[in-house]
Every structure is written in structure tokens, then in C-alpha cells.
Protein backbone atom coordinates (compact mmCIF):
# COMPACT_ATOMS: atom_id res chain seq x y z
CA MET A 1 0.00 0.00 0.00
CA GLU A 2 2.88 2.37 0.82
CA PHE A 3 4.41 1.65 -2.61
CA GLN A 4 1.09 2.42 -4.31
CA ALA A 5 0.77 5.68 -2.37
CA ASP A 6 4.29 6.75 -3.37
CA ALA A 7 3.58 5.82 -6.99
CA ILE A 8 0.36 7.84 -6.97
CA ASP A 9 2.21 10.81 -5.43
CA ARG A 10 4.85 10.63 -8.18
CA VAL A 11 2.19 10.45 -10.90
CA ILE A 12 0.33 13.43 -9.45
CA LYS A 13 3.59 15.40 -9.08
CA ASN A 14 4.59 14.68 -12.68
CA THR A 15 1.10 15.64 -13.84
CA ILE A 16 1.30 18.90 -11.91
CA ASP A 17 4.76 19.68 -13.38
CA VAL A 18 3.54 19.08 -16.93
CA MET A 19 0.38 21.12 -16.36
CA GLU A 20 2.37 23.97 -14.76
CA SER A 21 4.64 24.08 -17.79
CA SER A 22 1.68 23.98 -20.17
CA LYS A 23 -0.10 26.63 -18.13
CA TYR A 24 2.80 29.08 -18.49
CA GLN A 25 2.97 28.35 -22.22
CA ILE A 26 -0.75 29.15 -22.49
CA PHE A 27 -0.22 32.37 -20.53
CA GLU A 28 2.61 33.34 -22.90
CA ILE A 29 0.38 32.65 -25.91
CA LEU A 30 -2.40 34.61 -24.21
CA GLN A 31 -0.10 37.60 -23.64
CA VAL A 32 1.06 37.56 -27.27
CA ALA A 33 -2.57 37.36 -28.41
CA ARG A 34 -3.54 40.25 -26.13
CA ASP A 35 -0.68 42.37 -27.47
CA GLU A 36 -1.68 41.54 -31.03
CA LEU A 37 -5.31 42.39 -30.26
CA ALA A 38 -4.27 45.74 -28.78
CA ALA A 39 -2.15 46.51 -31.85
CA LEU A 40 -4.99 45.49 -34.19
CA THR A 41 -7.47 47.62 -32.24
CA LYS A 42 -5.17 50.63 -32.45
CA GLU A 43 -4.56 50.10 -36.18
CA LEU A 44 -8.29 49.58 -36.76
CA GLN A 45 -9.11 52.84 -35.01
CA ARG A 46 -6.52 54.66 -37.14
CA VAL A 47 -7.93 53.16 -40.35
CA ILE A 48 -11.50 54.04 -39.34
CA GLU A 49 -10.48 57.65 -38.68
CA GLU A 50 -8.57 57.83 -41.97
CA THR A 51 -11.56 56.30 -43.79
CA ASP A 52 -13.84 58.98 -42.36
CA GLU A 53 -11.39 61.69 -43.39
CA THR A 54 -11.11 60.20 -46.88
CA LEU A 55 -14.90 60.05 -47.25
CA GLN A 56 -15.09 63.73 -46.36
CA LYS A 57 -12.35 64.45 -48.87
CA VAL A 58 -14.22 62.49 -51.59
CA ASP A 59 -17.37 64.52 -50.92
CA LYS A 60 -15.39 67.74 -51.09
CA LEU A 61 -13.59 66.73 -54.31
CA GLU A 62 -16.85 65.63 -55.96
CA LEU A 63 -18.29 69.08 -55.27
CA GLN A 64 -15.15 70.81 -56.58
CA TYR A 65 -15.04 68.59 -59.67
CA HIS A 66 -18.72 69.25 -60.38
CA ARG A 67 -18.09 72.98 -60.15
CA SER A 68 -15.00 72.71 -62.38
CA ARG A 69 -17.06 70.91 -65.04
CA ILE A 70 -19.66 73.68 -64.90
CA ARG A 71 -16.87 76.23 -65.22
CA LEU A 72 -15.34 74.38 -68.18
CA THR A 73 -18.71 74.26 -69.94
CA GLU A 74 -19.22 77.95 -69.28
CA VAL A 75 -15.86 79.13 -70.69
CA SER A 76 -16.05 76.72 -73.65
CA ARG A 77 -19.35 78.20 -74.80
CA ASP A 78 -18.52 81.89 -74.42
CA PHE A 79 -15.68 82.63 -76.86
CA VAL A 80 -16.34 86.35 -76.57
CA ARG A 81 -15.63 86.67 -72.86
CA TYR A 82 -13.02 83.91 -72.45
CA THR A 83 -9.78 83.28 -74.27
CA GLU A 84 -8.20 80.00 -75.32
CA LYS A 85 -5.94 80.28 -72.26
CA ASP A 86 -8.98 80.50 -69.97
CA ILE A 87 -10.40 77.36 -71.58
CA ARG A 88 -7.08 75.52 -71.18
CA ILE A 89 -6.82 76.51 -67.49
CA ALA A 90 -10.42 75.40 -66.82
CA TYR A 91 -9.79 72.10 -68.63
CA GLU A 92 -6.54 71.43 -66.73
CA LYS A 93 -8.24 72.25 -63.42
CA ALA A 94 -11.14 69.87 -64.18
CA THR A 95 -8.72 67.13 -65.28
CA GLU A 96 -6.58 67.62 -62.17
CA LEU A 97 -9.61 67.37 -59.88
CA GLN A 98 -10.90 64.31 -61.77
CA LEU A 99 -7.55 62.56 -61.32
CA GLU A 100 -7.36 63.48 -57.63
CA LEU A 101 -10.95 62.29 -57.14
CA MET A 102 -10.19 58.93 -58.77
CA MET A 103 -7.10 58.44 -56.60
CA THR A 104 -9.00 59.40 -53.45
CA ARG A 105 -11.80 56.97 -54.31
CA GLU A 106 -9.22 54.23 -54.80
CA ARG A 107 -7.77 55.14 -51.41
CA GLU A 108 -11.26 54.97 -49.90
CA ALA A 109 -11.84 51.50 -51.39
CA TYR A 110 -8.48 50.32 -50.05
CA LEU A 111 -9.21 51.69 -46.57
CA ARG A 112 -12.64 50.02 -46.50
CA SER A 113 -11.05 46.71 -47.48
CA ARG A 114 -8.30 47.19 -44.89
CA ARG A 115 -10.89 48.05 -42.23
CA ASP A 116 -12.91 44.89 -42.95
CA GLU A 117 -9.73 42.78 -42.90
CA LEU A 118 -8.64 44.24 -39.55
CA GLN A 119 -12.10 43.70 -38.05
CA MET A 120 -12.04 40.03 -39.09
CA ARG A 121 -8.52 39.56 -37.70
CA ALA A 122 -9.46 41.33 -34.46
CA ARG A 123 -12.50 39.06 -34.00
CA SER A 124 -10.37 35.99 -34.66
CA VAL A 125 -7.68 37.06 -32.18
CA GLU A 126 -10.34 38.00 -29.62
CA ASN A 127 -11.81 34.48 -29.92
CA SER A 128 -8.31 33.06 -29.40
CA VAL A 129 -7.88 35.22 -26.29
CA GLU A 130 -11.20 34.01 -24.88
CA ARG A 131 -10.31 30.35 -25.55
CA ALA A 132 -6.87 30.77 -23.95
CA GLU A 133 -8.41 32.49 -20.91
CA SER A 134 -10.96 29.69 -20.56
CA ILE A 135 -8.32 26.95 -20.81
CA GLY A 136 -6.04 28.83 -18.41
CA SER A 137 -8.84 29.18 -15.86
CA GLN A 138 -9.74 25.49 -16.14
CA MET A 139 -6.09 24.49 -15.68
CA SER A 140 -5.82 26.78 -12.64
CA VAL A 141 -8.81 25.02 -11.09
CA VAL A 142 -7.37 21.56 -11.72
CA LEU A 143 -3.87 22.55 -10.54
CA GLU A 144 -5.19 24.11 -7.36
CA TYR A 145 -7.22 20.99 -6.72
CA LEU A 146 -4.33 18.57 -7.46
CA SER A 147 -1.90 20.63 -5.39
CA GLY A 148 -4.06 19.98 -2.36
CA GLU A 149 -4.69 23.64 -1.58
CA LEU A 150 -8.16 22.80 -0.34
CA GLY A 151 -7.22 22.47 3.32
CA GLN A 152 -9.27 25.42 4.48
CA VAL A 153 -12.27 24.46 2.36
CA THR A 154 -11.99 20.86 3.60
CA ARG A 155 -12.12 22.00 7.22
CA ILE A 156 -15.24 24.04 6.52
CA VAL A 157 -17.11 21.21 4.79
CA GLU A 158 -15.56 18.22 6.59
CA SER A 159 -19.03 17.12 7.71
CA ALA A 160 -20.20 16.88 4.09
CA LYS A 161 -20.39 13.45 2.43
CA ASN A 162 -18.25 14.46 -0.53
CA THR A 163 -15.72 17.02 0.63
CA GLN A 164 -13.54 16.89 -2.48
CA MET A 165 -16.43 17.50 -4.87
CA VAL A 166 -17.74 20.43 -2.83
CA GLY A 167 -14.23 21.91 -2.70
CA LEU A 168 -13.86 21.62 -6.46
CA LYS A 169 -17.24 23.29 -6.98
CA ILE A 170 -16.22 26.17 -4.72
CA ILE A 171 -12.98 26.71 -6.67
CA GLN A 172 -14.87 26.52 -9.96
CA ALA A 173 -17.35 29.07 -8.64
CA GLN A 174 -14.45 31.36 -7.67
CA GLU A 175 -12.93 31.06 -11.14
CA GLU A 176 -16.29 31.74 -12.80
CA GLU A 177 -16.75 34.81 -10.59
CA ARG A 178 -13.26 36.06 -11.51
CA LYS A 179 -14.04 35.58 -15.21
CA ARG A 180 -17.38 37.37 -14.78
CA ILE A 181 -15.74 40.32 -13.04
CA ALA A 182 -12.97 40.49 -15.67
CA ARG A 183 -15.55 40.35 -18.47
CA GLU A 184 -17.71 43.01 -16.79
CA ILE A 185 -14.75 45.36 -16.38
CA HIS A 186 -13.46 44.65 -19.91
CA ASP A 187 -16.84 45.19 -21.58
CA GLY A 188 -17.70 48.24 -19.48
CA PRO A 189 -15.18 50.59 -17.83
CA ALA A 190 -12.11 49.29 -19.71
CA GLN A 191 -13.71 49.84 -23.12
CA MET A 192 -14.93 53.27 -22.06
CA LEU A 193 -11.48 54.28 -20.79
CA ALA A 194 -9.90 53.10 -24.05
CA ASN A 195 -12.42 55.22 -25.94
CA LEU A 196 -11.60 58.20 -23.71
CA VAL A 197 -7.89 57.83 -24.55
CA LEU A 198 -8.69 57.88 -28.27
CA ARG A 199 -10.96 60.89 -27.81
CA THR A 200 -8.22 62.81 -25.96
CA GLU A 201 -5.85 62.09 -28.88
CA ILE A 202 -8.45 63.62 -31.20
CA VAL A 203 -8.63 66.68 -28.92
CA GLU A 204 -4.83 66.98 -29.10
CA ARG A 205 -4.98 67.02 -32.91
CA MET A 206 -7.72 69.65 -32.78
CA LEU A 207 -5.54 71.81 -30.52
CA VAL A 208 -2.65 71.52 -32.95
CA LYS A 209 -4.99 72.67 -35.74
CA GLN A 210 -6.30 75.43 -33.40
CA GLU A 211 -9.88 74.23 -33.86
CA PHE A 212 -10.87 75.65 -30.47
CA GLY A 213 -14.61 75.61 -31.12
CA LEU A 214 -14.54 71.88 -31.83
CA VAL A 215 -12.27 71.31 -28.82
CA GLN A 216 -14.80 72.88 -26.46
CA ALA A 217 -17.62 70.69 -27.77
CA GLU A 218 -15.42 67.59 -27.58
CA VAL A 219 -14.36 68.34 -23.98
CA ILE A 220 -18.01 68.78 -22.93
CA ASP A 221 -18.80 65.39 -24.50
CA LEU A 222 -15.74 63.86 -22.80
CA LYS A 223 -16.99 65.08 -19.41
CA GLY A 224 -20.23 63.23 -20.02
CA GLN A 225 -18.33 60.08 -21.00
CA VAL A 226 -16.19 60.29 -17.84
CA ARG A 227 -19.29 60.64 -15.65
CA TYR A 228 -20.88 57.64 -17.38
CA SER A 229 -17.67 55.58 -16.95
CA LEU A 230 -17.60 56.47 -13.26
CA GLU A 231 -21.21 55.36 -12.90
CA GLU A 232 -20.45 52.04 -14.63
CA MET A 233 -17.46 51.46 -12.31
CA ARG A 234 -19.69 52.13 -9.30
CA LYS A 235 -22.12 49.51 -10.61
CA VAL A 236 -19.28 46.96 -10.88
CA ILE A 237 -18.17 47.74 -7.31
CA PHE A 238 -21.76 47.48 -6.06
CA ASN A 239 -22.21 44.09 -7.76
CA LEU A 240 -19.03 42.80 -6.09
CA ARG A 241 -20.40 43.73 -2.68
CA PRO A 242 -23.06 46.34 -1.89
CA MET A 243 -21.31 48.72 0.52
CA ALA A 244 -24.70 49.55 1.99
CA LEU A 245 -24.63 46.11 3.67
CA ASP A 246 -21.78 47.26 5.91
CA ASP A 247 -23.09 50.80 6.37
CA LEU A 248 -26.85 50.29 6.73
CA GLY A 249 -27.33 46.57 7.30
CA LEU A 250 -29.25 43.79 5.57
CA ILE A 251 -32.85 45.08 5.70
CA PRO A 252 -32.29 48.65 4.36
CA THR A 253 -30.05 47.24 1.60
CA LEU A 254 -32.64 44.63 0.61
CA ARG A 255 -35.41 47.23 0.71
CA LYS A 256 -33.45 49.41 -1.74
CA TYR A 257 -32.66 46.42 -3.96
CA VAL A 258 -36.34 45.41 -4.08
CA HIS A 259 -37.29 48.99 -4.99
CA ASP A 260 -34.68 49.05 -7.80
CA TYR A 261 -35.84 45.59 -8.93
CA GLU A 262 -39.44 46.84 -9.19
CA GLU A 263 -38.32 49.91 -11.15
CA LYS A 264 -36.21 47.84 -13.54
CA THR A 265 -38.54 44.87 -14.16
CA LYS A 266 -41.90 46.70 -13.77
CA ILE A 267 -43.02 43.79 -11.53
CA ARG A 268 -44.99 44.94 -8.47
CA THR A 269 -42.87 43.84 -5.51
CA SER A 270 -43.52 43.95 -1.75
CA PHE A 271 -40.93 43.69 1.00
CA GLU A 272 -41.91 42.73 4.56
CA THR A 273 -40.00 41.91 7.75
CA ARG A 274 -41.11 40.04 10.86
CA GLY A 275 -39.50 39.56 14.24
CA LYS A 276 -36.88 41.72 15.94
CA GLU A 277 -34.32 42.85 13.40
CA HIS A 278 -30.66 42.50 14.45
CA ARG A 279 -27.31 42.58 12.70
CA LEU A 280 -25.71 39.34 11.53
CA SER A 281 -22.10 38.78 10.56
CA SER A 282 -20.90 40.40 7.35
CA ALA A 283 -20.64 37.01 5.60
CA MET A 284 -24.13 35.91 6.68
CA GLU A 285 -25.77 39.18 5.59
CA ALA A 286 -24.00 38.94 2.22
CA ALA A 287 -25.21 35.33 1.83
CA VAL A 288 -28.84 36.26 2.61
CA TYR A 289 -28.65 39.22 0.22
CA ARG A 290 -27.34 37.01 -2.61
CA LEU A 291 -30.05 34.39 -2.00
CA VAL A 292 -32.82 36.99 -2.27
CA GLN A 293 -31.11 38.49 -5.31
CA GLU A 294 -30.91 35.09 -7.02
CA ALA A 295 -34.53 34.19 -6.19
CA LEU A 296 -35.82 37.50 -7.60
CA SER A 297 -33.63 37.15 -10.68
CA ASN A 298 -34.99 33.64 -11.34
CA ALA A 299 -38.57 34.92 -10.95
CA ALA A 300 -38.05 37.68 -13.52
CA LYS A 301 -36.25 35.39 -15.99
CA HIS A 302 -38.47 32.31 -15.83
CA ALA A 303 -41.78 32.97 -14.03
CA TYR A 304 -42.97 36.25 -15.66
CA PRO A 305 -45.03 37.22 -12.58
CA SER A 306 -47.04 40.39 -12.06
CA TYR A 307 -46.40 40.35 -8.30
CA VAL A 308 -43.58 39.15 -6.00
CA LEU A 309 -43.45 39.11 -2.20
CA VAL A 310 -40.16 39.07 -0.26
CA GLU A 311 -40.46 38.34 3.44
CA ILE A 312 -37.62 38.19 6.00
CA THR A 313 -38.38 36.75 9.45
CA TYR A 314 -35.95 37.00 12.39
CA GLN A 315 -36.29 34.22 14.96
CA ALA A 316 -34.23 33.36 18.04
CA GLN A 317 -31.61 31.24 16.28
CA LEU A 318 -32.91 31.34 12.74
CA ILE A 319 -33.52 33.65 9.81
CA LYS A 320 -36.31 32.73 7.41
CA ILE A 321 -36.47 33.95 3.81
CA VAL A 322 -39.65 33.69 1.74
CA VAL A 323 -39.83 34.74 -1.92
CA LYS A 324 -43.29 34.19 -3.41
CA ASP A 325 -44.52 35.03 -6.92
CA ASN A 326 -47.75 34.57 -8.90
CA GLY A 327 -45.94 33.59 -12.11
CA LEU A 328 -46.05 30.56 -14.38
CA GLY A 329 -44.85 28.04 -11.82
CA PHE A 330 -43.33 24.66 -12.70
CA ASN A 331 -43.19 20.97 -11.85
CA VAL A 332 -40.53 20.91 -9.11
CA LYS A 333 -39.60 17.25 -9.60
CA LYS A 334 -39.38 17.57 -13.38
CA ILE A 335 -37.24 20.74 -13.28
CA SER A 336 -34.89 19.23 -10.68
CA GLU A 337 -34.20 16.30 -13.01
CA GLN A 338 -33.48 18.49 -16.04
CA ALA A 339 -30.11 20.12 -16.87
CA ASN A 340 -31.22 23.59 -17.86
CA ARG A 341 -30.56 27.12 -16.66
CA GLU A 342 -33.55 27.13 -14.33
CA SER A 343 -32.52 23.87 -12.67
CA PHE A 344 -28.92 25.12 -12.36
CA GLY A 345 -30.23 28.18 -10.50
CA LEU A 346 -32.15 25.99 -8.06
CA VAL A 347 -29.19 23.64 -7.56
CA GLY A 348 -26.86 26.58 -6.93
CA MET A 349 -29.27 28.01 -4.38
CA ARG A 350 -29.60 24.66 -2.59
CA GLU A 351 -25.81 24.19 -2.45
CA ARG A 352 -25.28 27.71 -1.08
CA VAL A 353 -27.88 27.15 1.66
CA GLU A 354 -26.42 23.72 2.53
CA LEU A 355 -23.00 25.31 3.09
CA LEU A 356 -24.73 27.57 5.63
CA GLU A 357 -26.25 24.42 7.21
CA GLY A 358 -29.71 25.60 6.21
CA ARG A 359 -32.53 24.07 4.18
CA VAL A 360 -34.61 25.08 1.16
CA GLU A 361 -38.22 24.25 0.41
CA ILE A 362 -39.65 24.97 -3.04
CA GLN A 363 -43.43 24.92 -3.52
CA SER A 364 -44.65 25.28 -7.09
CA ALA A 365 -47.03 23.94 -9.70
CA GLU A 366 -47.66 24.91 -13.30
CA ASN A 367 -49.68 28.15 -13.58
CA GLN A 368 -49.89 28.41 -9.77
CA GLY A 369 -46.82 30.50 -8.95
CA THR A 370 -43.76 29.61 -6.89
CA THR A 371 -42.83 29.96 -3.22
CA ILE A 372 -39.22 29.56 -2.06
CA ILE A 373 -38.76 29.12 1.70
CA ILE A 374 -35.23 29.18 3.14
CA HIS A 375 -34.27 28.55 6.77
CA ILE A 376 -30.72 29.44 7.85
CA PRO A 377 -29.52 28.94 11.45
CA THR A 378 -27.91 32.09 12.87
CA ASN A 379 -26.32 30.28 15.82
CA VAL A 380 -23.89 28.68 13.31
CA ASP A 381 -23.08 32.19 12.10
CA LYS A 382 -22.26 33.33 15.65
CA GLY A 383 -20.05 30.33 16.19
CA LYS A 384 -18.01 31.18 13.10
CA GLU A 385 -17.60 34.79 14.17
């Protein structure tokens, strides 16, 4: 048995070494891809700007060429007023503008083609970046699991029947949350800041050209963009953890969230509390907040109700959460057996409550609404404090 254990340890160690090496190679590829994507994005922006400038130039040249043709016709017909030299000058001017217009149109066609090519390449590289990030995250999960860095998680869930599986799910959830946060920042504030950098470069060029009127308008627009970016960043921070939980407590924060939920979804929503309200630990209040948030989100996505009730009850050693809607409802047994988004939401909610040593009861039937009842012991929370 000792020989088998040593052999297993060697196999795992070799596996970890190979995966570590592969992980760093993936990270190097990812960095190269990110650099290439940044360069492509910068080049694409330059081409787009040049295309716009060229289009304006084409419009201007077309107008000038049209006027030169009218002028040529005018001097060619009136031999009394205009000399042969005037006709020659008008002809040369029209020919010169025609040639310049043709060359500018060719430049426009080239820039359009170049723009389309860069957009395709950027999309391809962006897909490569996303695949590399996904593989890297998956390898990080497996490496962390194989390296045995689940000691703390194991101690927390040592009473569970399958400690290793729960630990792996927790790490996977952490990785998914990191990816979600990275994606939210990349798609929101990061993109806006990149746009602001480009806009400031445009302002610099305007200043060089002394186009002060345009600069003033651009700066006013930039101020609006900065305010919007700041608001988006505040939303990201709030989604990570509502600061009102620490400042105001669970009930005021939930009351505000329910109000915002009603405003956003147009679903009439009531919020009620029972029992003597008291503060719980920061972790417990965050957990209760997320459970209510998830239950309301599921109701809006799947139940399409016209009314939702959220009820929080404080008991001696227990907090009870009830979220009830008058929506479509569903067959609880059937949904639990299916692998769809709705069932994943219910499974995730059950697992989160089980980690808090609580229990979930779901009452629902088709076309009869849904009631979710959650009981979480607060004495466990005090013990962990």
C-alpha cells in the first residue's frame, strides 16, 4: 500500500509539473494574443479615422469637380468673354480634380477593405484570447485541486459526504466569478477608458490645428463620457459587494434592492419583515442578500409574474427567507431532473444554503406560482464569528 501511495504521489507530481509548464505556455500565448489584439485595435481605429477623413475628402472633391465641369462648360461656350488660355486653365483644373478624385476613391476603397480585414482579424484574435483564458482558468482550477490547496475548504465542509467535490465546486465558482468580473470590467469601464484615450488624442490634434470651437464641444462630451464611466465602475463595485450592507445593514439594503428591482422589471414587488431585526455577521448578511437576489432574478427570468413578495423573518436562532410570486410556476420534480438554466439556478441556491447548514423548500405547480422558503440557522453564524 505504501508503494502504491508513493507511486500515486509521483504520478500526481509529474502531472502537476507538466500542467504547470503547459499553463505558463498558455499564458505566454495569451499575452502575445492580447498584445496583437491591442495593436490590431489601435490600427483599426486609425484606419477608421482615416476612412472617415477620406470620405469627407471624396465629398469635397466631388463638389469641386462638379463645379469645375460647370466652369469648363461655361468658358467653352462663351468665346467672346473667355480666351483659349482660360479654356485651357479650366480644362486642366477639371482634369486635375478628376484625377485626384479617382485616386482618393481608390484610397477609400483600399481603406474600406483594410478596415474589414482588420475587423475580421481582431474578431479571430479575440476568440483566441477568450479560448486561452478559458483553458487557463480550467487548468488553474485543476492545478489548485491537485496541489491539495483545499485544506481550508476541507475543514469548513468536513461534515459533508463528498468534501472533495464540494471543494472543487467552490474553486470553480471562484474562477467563474473572476471571469465574470474580468468580463464586466473589460466590456464596461475598460472599453470606455480606451475610448476616452482615443478621444483625448483627437482633442490633441484639434488643438494643434487650433480648432478651439470643436475642442470645447469635444471636452463637454468627454466630461459626459467620464461621468458615465464612473457610474459604470460604481455599478461593478456594487455588484461585487453592496457597501450599503456594511453601512446600513441587511434590511435597508434589501429594501433598496427590491425597490430598484421593481423599477427595472416593472413587476410589483412587496418587502416585509417580521420579528426583531438584528445585525448578523458580514458574511451571513451577504449570503442572505445574494439568495434573495438570485430568487428575484430567477422569478423575472423564468416565471414572468405580475407580483412578487419578499419576506424576511428573524427568529431566536434562525432567519427565514420567503420569496413568493404569482408567475407561471413549474413541476418541481421535473425541473430538478433536467439540466437547464432554471434547474442550475435551483441547484446553486440549494448548495449555497447547505453550506450555511440551512434548508430550502420549493413549492410550485404549473400556472400556480412559486414559493421559495429558506431557513438558515444564525447560531452557526455566531459560532463562526
